[in-house]
Amino acid sequence: MRDHYGTWRDQPRGLACAVVAGFLVLTTVALVVAIVLAVLAASR
């Protein structure tokens, strides 16, 4: 268990995956908000 945690901490791939996942989520949220604002502006 401790060895697995050590190898995971030594490999920055896990951190990189977390950063990429967070960036994708933020981008998706920004896209949804932009689309909603565009629809509201168009329907106004």
PDB file of N, CA and C in Angstrom:
ATOM      1  N   MET A   1       0.851  -1.203   0.000  1.00  0.00           N
ATOM      2  CA  MET A   1       0.000   0.000   0.000  1.00  0.00           C
ATOM      3  C   MET A   1       0.886   1.253   0.000  1.00  0.00           C
ATOM      4  N   ARG A   2       1.864   1.278   0.933  1.00  0.00           N
ATOM      5  CA  ARG A   2       2.739   2.456   1.002  1.00  0.00           C
ATOM      6  C   ARG A   2       3.631   2.515  -0.232  1.00  0.00           C
ATOM      7  N   ASP A   3       4.017   1.335  -0.765  1.00  0.00           N
ATOM      8  CA  ASP A   3       4.862   1.327  -1.951  1.00  0.00           C
ATOM      9  C   ASP A   3       4.086   1.867  -3.151  1.00  0.00           C
ATOM     10  N   HIS A   4       2.834   1.489  -3.265  1.00  0.00           N
ATOM     11  CA  HIS A   4       2.005   1.985  -4.377  1.00  0.00           C
ATOM     12  C   HIS A   4       1.841   3.501  -4.274  1.00  0.00           C
ATOM     13  N   TYR A   5       1.611   4.001  -3.062  1.00  0.00           N
ATOM     14  CA  TYR A   5       1.465   5.449  -2.884  1.00  0.00           C
ATOM     15  C   TYR A   5       2.769   6.167  -3.234  1.00  0.00           C
ATOM     16  N   GLY A   6       3.902   5.540  -2.873  1.00  0.00           N
ATOM     17  CA  GLY A   6       5.196   6.148  -3.171  1.00  0.00           C
ATOM     18  C   GLY A   6       5.424   6.220  -4.674  1.00  0.00           C
ATOM     19  N   THR A   7       5.114   5.137  -5.392  1.00  0.00           N
ATOM     20  CA  THR A   7       5.310   5.151  -6.844  1.00  0.00           C
ATOM     21  C   THR A   7       4.365   6.156  -7.483  1.00  0.00           C
ATOM     22  N   TRP A   8       3.131   6.279  -6.955  1.00  0.00           N
ATOM     23  CA  TRP A   8       2.193   7.239  -7.536  1.00  0.00           C
ATOM     24  C   TRP A   8       2.697   8.666  -7.303  1.00  0.00           C
ATOM     25  N   ARG A   9       3.274   8.918  -6.120  1.00  0.00           N
ATOM     26  CA  ARG A   9       3.761  10.270  -5.830  1.00  0.00           C
ATOM     27  C   ARG A   9       5.018  10.568  -6.650  1.00  0.00           C
ATOM     28  N   ASP A  10       5.820   9.539  -6.922  1.00  0.00           N
ATOM     29  CA  ASP A  10       7.033   9.748  -7.712  1.00  0.00           C
ATOM     30  C   ASP A  10       6.688  10.009  -9.178  1.00  0.00           C
ATOM     31  N   GLN A  11       5.577   9.466  -9.647  1.00  0.00           N
ATOM     32  CA  GLN A  11       5.178   9.697 -11.039  1.00  0.00           C
ATOM     33  C   GLN A  11       4.260  10.912 -11.115  1.00  0.00           C
ATOM     34  N   PRO A  12       4.637  11.961 -11.851  1.00  0.00           N
ATOM     35  CA  PRO A  12       3.785  13.162 -11.966  1.00  0.00           C
ATOM     36  C   PRO A  12       2.620  12.947 -12.922  1.00  0.00           C
ATOM     37  N   ARG A  13       2.493  11.719 -13.471  1.00  0.00           N
ATOM     38  CA  ARG A  13       1.415  11.461 -14.422  1.00  0.00           C
ATOM     39  C   ARG A  13       0.053  11.593 -13.740  1.00  0.00           C
ATOM     40  N   GLY A  14      -0.063  11.154 -12.493  1.00  0.00           N
ATOM     41  CA  GLY A  14      -1.337  11.270 -11.783  1.00  0.00           C
ATOM     42  C   GLY A  14      -1.721  12.734 -11.609  1.00  0.00           C
ATOM     43  N   LEU A  15      -0.757  13.556 -11.222  1.00  0.00           N
ATOM     44  CA  LEU A  15      -1.022  14.991 -11.051  1.00  0.00           C
ATOM     45  C   LEU A  15      -1.372  15.620 -12.392  1.00  0.00           C
ATOM     46  N   ALA A  16      -0.672  15.235 -13.447  1.00  0.00           N
ATOM     47  CA  ALA A  16      -0.950  15.779 -14.777  1.00  0.00           C
ATOM     48  C   ALA A  16      -2.372  15.399 -15.210  1.00  0.00           C
ATOM     49  N   CYS A  17      -2.766  14.155 -14.951  1.00  0.00           N
ATOM     50  CA  CYS A  17      -4.127  13.729 -15.308  1.00  0.00           C
ATOM     51  C   CYS A  17      -5.160  14.546 -14.537  1.00  0.00           C
ATOM     52  N   ALA A  18      -4.906  14.806 -13.262  1.00  0.00           N
ATOM     53  CA  ALA A  18      -5.845  15.592 -12.458  1.00  0.00           C
ATOM     54  C   ALA A  18      -5.943  17.016 -13.005  1.00  0.00           C
ATOM     55  N   VAL A  19      -4.803  17.601 -13.390  1.00  0.00           N
ATOM     56  CA  VAL A  19      -4.818  18.960 -13.937  1.00  0.00           C
ATOM     57  C   VAL A  19      -5.570  18.999 -15.265  1.00  0.00           C
ATOM     58  N   VAL A  20      -5.325  18.003 -16.127  1.00  0.00           N
ATOM     59  CA  VAL A  20      -6.009  17.953 -17.428  1.00  0.00           C
ATOM     60  C   VAL A  20      -7.504  17.766 -17.226  1.00  0.00           C
ATOM     61  N   ALA A  21      -7.887  16.888 -16.287  1.00  0.00           N
ATOM     62  CA  ALA A  21      -9.313  16.662 -16.032  1.00  0.00           C
ATOM     63  C   ALA A  21      -9.971  17.946 -15.531  1.00  0.00           C
ATOM     64  N   GLY A  22      -9.320  18.645 -14.606  1.00  0.00           N
ATOM     65  CA  GLY A  22      -9.874  19.895 -14.095  1.00  0.00           C
ATOM     66  C   GLY A  22      -9.991  20.944 -15.193  1.00  0.00           C
ATOM     67  N   PHE A  23      -8.975  21.007 -16.072  1.00  0.00           N
ATOM     68  CA  PHE A  23      -9.017  21.978 -17.173  1.00  0.00           C
ATOM     69  C   PHE A  23     -10.169  21.649 -18.130  1.00  0.00           C
ATOM     70  N   LEU A  24     -10.379  20.349 -18.402  1.00  0.00           N
ATOM     71  CA  LEU A  24     -11.479  19.954 -19.292  1.00  0.00           C
ATOM     72  C   LEU A  24     -12.819  20.318 -18.674  1.00  0.00           C
ATOM     73  N   VAL A  25     -12.973  20.084 -17.365  1.00  0.00           N
ATOM     74  CA  VAL A  25     -14.237  20.417 -16.699  1.00  0.00           C
ATOM     75  C   VAL A  25     -14.479  21.920 -16.761  1.00  0.00           C
ATOM     76  N   LEU A  26     -13.441  22.712 -16.474  1.00  0.00           N
ATOM     77  CA  LEU A  26     -13.602  24.176 -16.523  1.00  0.00           C
ATOM     78  C   LEU A  26     -13.952  24.634 -17.934  1.00  0.00           C
ATOM     79  N   THR A  27     -13.312  24.050 -18.935  1.00  0.00           N
ATOM     80  CA  THR A  27     -13.606  24.428 -20.326  1.00  0.00           C
ATOM     81  C   THR A  27     -15.041  24.067 -20.689  1.00  0.00           C
ATOM     82  N   THR A  28     -15.490  22.886 -20.256  1.00  0.00           N
ATOM     83  CA  THR A  28     -16.866  22.466 -20.554  1.00  0.00           C
ATOM     84  C   THR A  28     -17.870  23.402 -19.891  1.00  0.00           C
ATOM     85  N   VAL A  29     -17.604  23.760 -18.636  1.00  0.00           N
ATOM     86  CA  VAL A  29     -18.515  24.675 -17.931  1.00  0.00           C
ATOM     87  C   VAL A  29     -18.554  26.030 -18.628  1.00  0.00           C
ATOM     88  N   ALA A  30     -17.394  26.526 -19.036  1.00  0.00           N
ATOM     89  CA  ALA A  30     -17.340  27.820 -19.725  1.00  0.00           C
ATOM     90  C   ALA A  30     -18.112  27.751 -21.048  1.00  0.00           C
ATOM     91  N   LEU A  31     -17.996  26.639 -21.770  1.00  0.00           N
ATOM     92  CA  LEU A  31     -18.722  26.471 -23.033  1.00  0.00           C
ATOM     93  C   LEU A  31     -20.222  26.474 -22.790  1.00  0.00           C
ATOM     94  N   VAL A  32     -20.671  25.743 -21.769  1.00  0.00           N
ATOM     95  CA  VAL A  32     -22.102  25.684 -21.461  1.00  0.00           C
ATOM     96  C   VAL A  32     -22.619  27.074 -21.110  1.00  0.00           C
ATOM     97  N   VAL A  33     -21.879  27.805 -20.276  1.00  0.00           N
ATOM     98  CA  VAL A  33     -22.305  29.153 -19.885  1.00  0.00           C
ATOM     99  C   VAL A  33     -22.369  30.060 -21.111  1.00  0.00           C
ATOM    100  N   ALA A  34     -21.375  29.974 -21.994  1.00  0.00           N
ATOM    101  CA  ALA A  34     -21.365  30.803 -23.199  1.00  0.00           C
ATOM    102  C   ALA A  34     -22.566  30.477 -24.088  1.00  0.00           C
ATOM    103  N   ILE A  35     -22.879  29.179 -24.223  1.00  0.00           N
ATOM    104  CA  ILE A  35     -24.018  28.782 -25.056  1.00  0.00           C
ATOM    105  C   ILE A  35     -25.326  29.298 -24.456  1.00  0.00           C
ATOM    106  N   VAL A  36     -25.475  29.167 -23.139  1.00  0.00           N
ATOM    107  CA  VAL A  36     -26.691  29.648 -22.475  1.00  0.00           C
ATOM    108  C   VAL A  36     -26.832  31.157 -22.654  1.00  0.00           C
ATOM    109  N   LEU A  37     -25.727  31.888 -22.471  1.00  0.00           N
ATOM    110  CA  LEU A  37     -25.793  33.342 -22.653  1.00  0.00           C
ATOM    111  C   LEU A  37     -26.127  33.687 -24.100  1.00  0.00           C
ATOM    112  N   ALA A  38     -25.581  32.964 -25.054  1.00  0.00           N
ATOM    113  CA  ALA A  38     -25.877  33.230 -26.460  1.00  0.00           C
ATOM    114  C   ALA A  38     -27.358  32.975 -26.763  1.00  0.00           C
ATOM    115  N   VAL A  39     -27.902  31.886 -26.215  1.00  0.00           N
ATOM    116  CA  VAL A  39     -29.319  31.575 -26.433  1.00  0.00           C
ATOM    117  C   VAL A  39     -30.200  32.645 -25.807  1.00  0.00           C
ATOM    118  N   LEU A  40     -29.849  33.080 -24.601  1.00  0.00           N
ATOM    119  CA  LEU A  40     -30.634  34.123 -23.936  1.00  0.00           C
ATOM    120  C   LEU A  40     -30.552  35.426 -24.731  1.00  0.00           C
ATOM    121  N   ALA A  41     -29.384  35.768 -25.227  1.00  0.00           N
ATOM    122  CA  ALA A  41     -29.234  37.009 -26.005  1.00  0.00           C
ATOM    123  C   ALA A  41     -30.009  36.915 -27.322  1.00  0.00           C
ATOM    124  N   ALA A  42     -30.022  35.745 -27.927  1.00  0.00           N
ATOM    125  CA  ALA A  42     -30.712  35.573 -29.207  1.00  0.00           C
ATOM    126  C   ALA A  42     -32.231  35.603 -29.015  1.00  0.00           C
ATOM    127  N   SER A  43     -32.702  35.056 -27.905  1.00  0.00           N
ATOM    128  CA  SER A  43     -34.157  35.002 -27.675  1.00  0.00           C
ATOM    129  C   SER A  43     -34.692  36.335 -27.163  1.00  0.00           C
ATOM    130  N   ARG A  44     -33.788  37.234 -26.758  1.00  0.00           N
ATOM    131  CA  ARG A  44     -34.252  38.502 -26.197  1.00  0.00           C
ATOM    132  C   ARG A  44     -34.751  39.420 -27.305  1.00  0.00           C
TER     133      ARG A  44
END
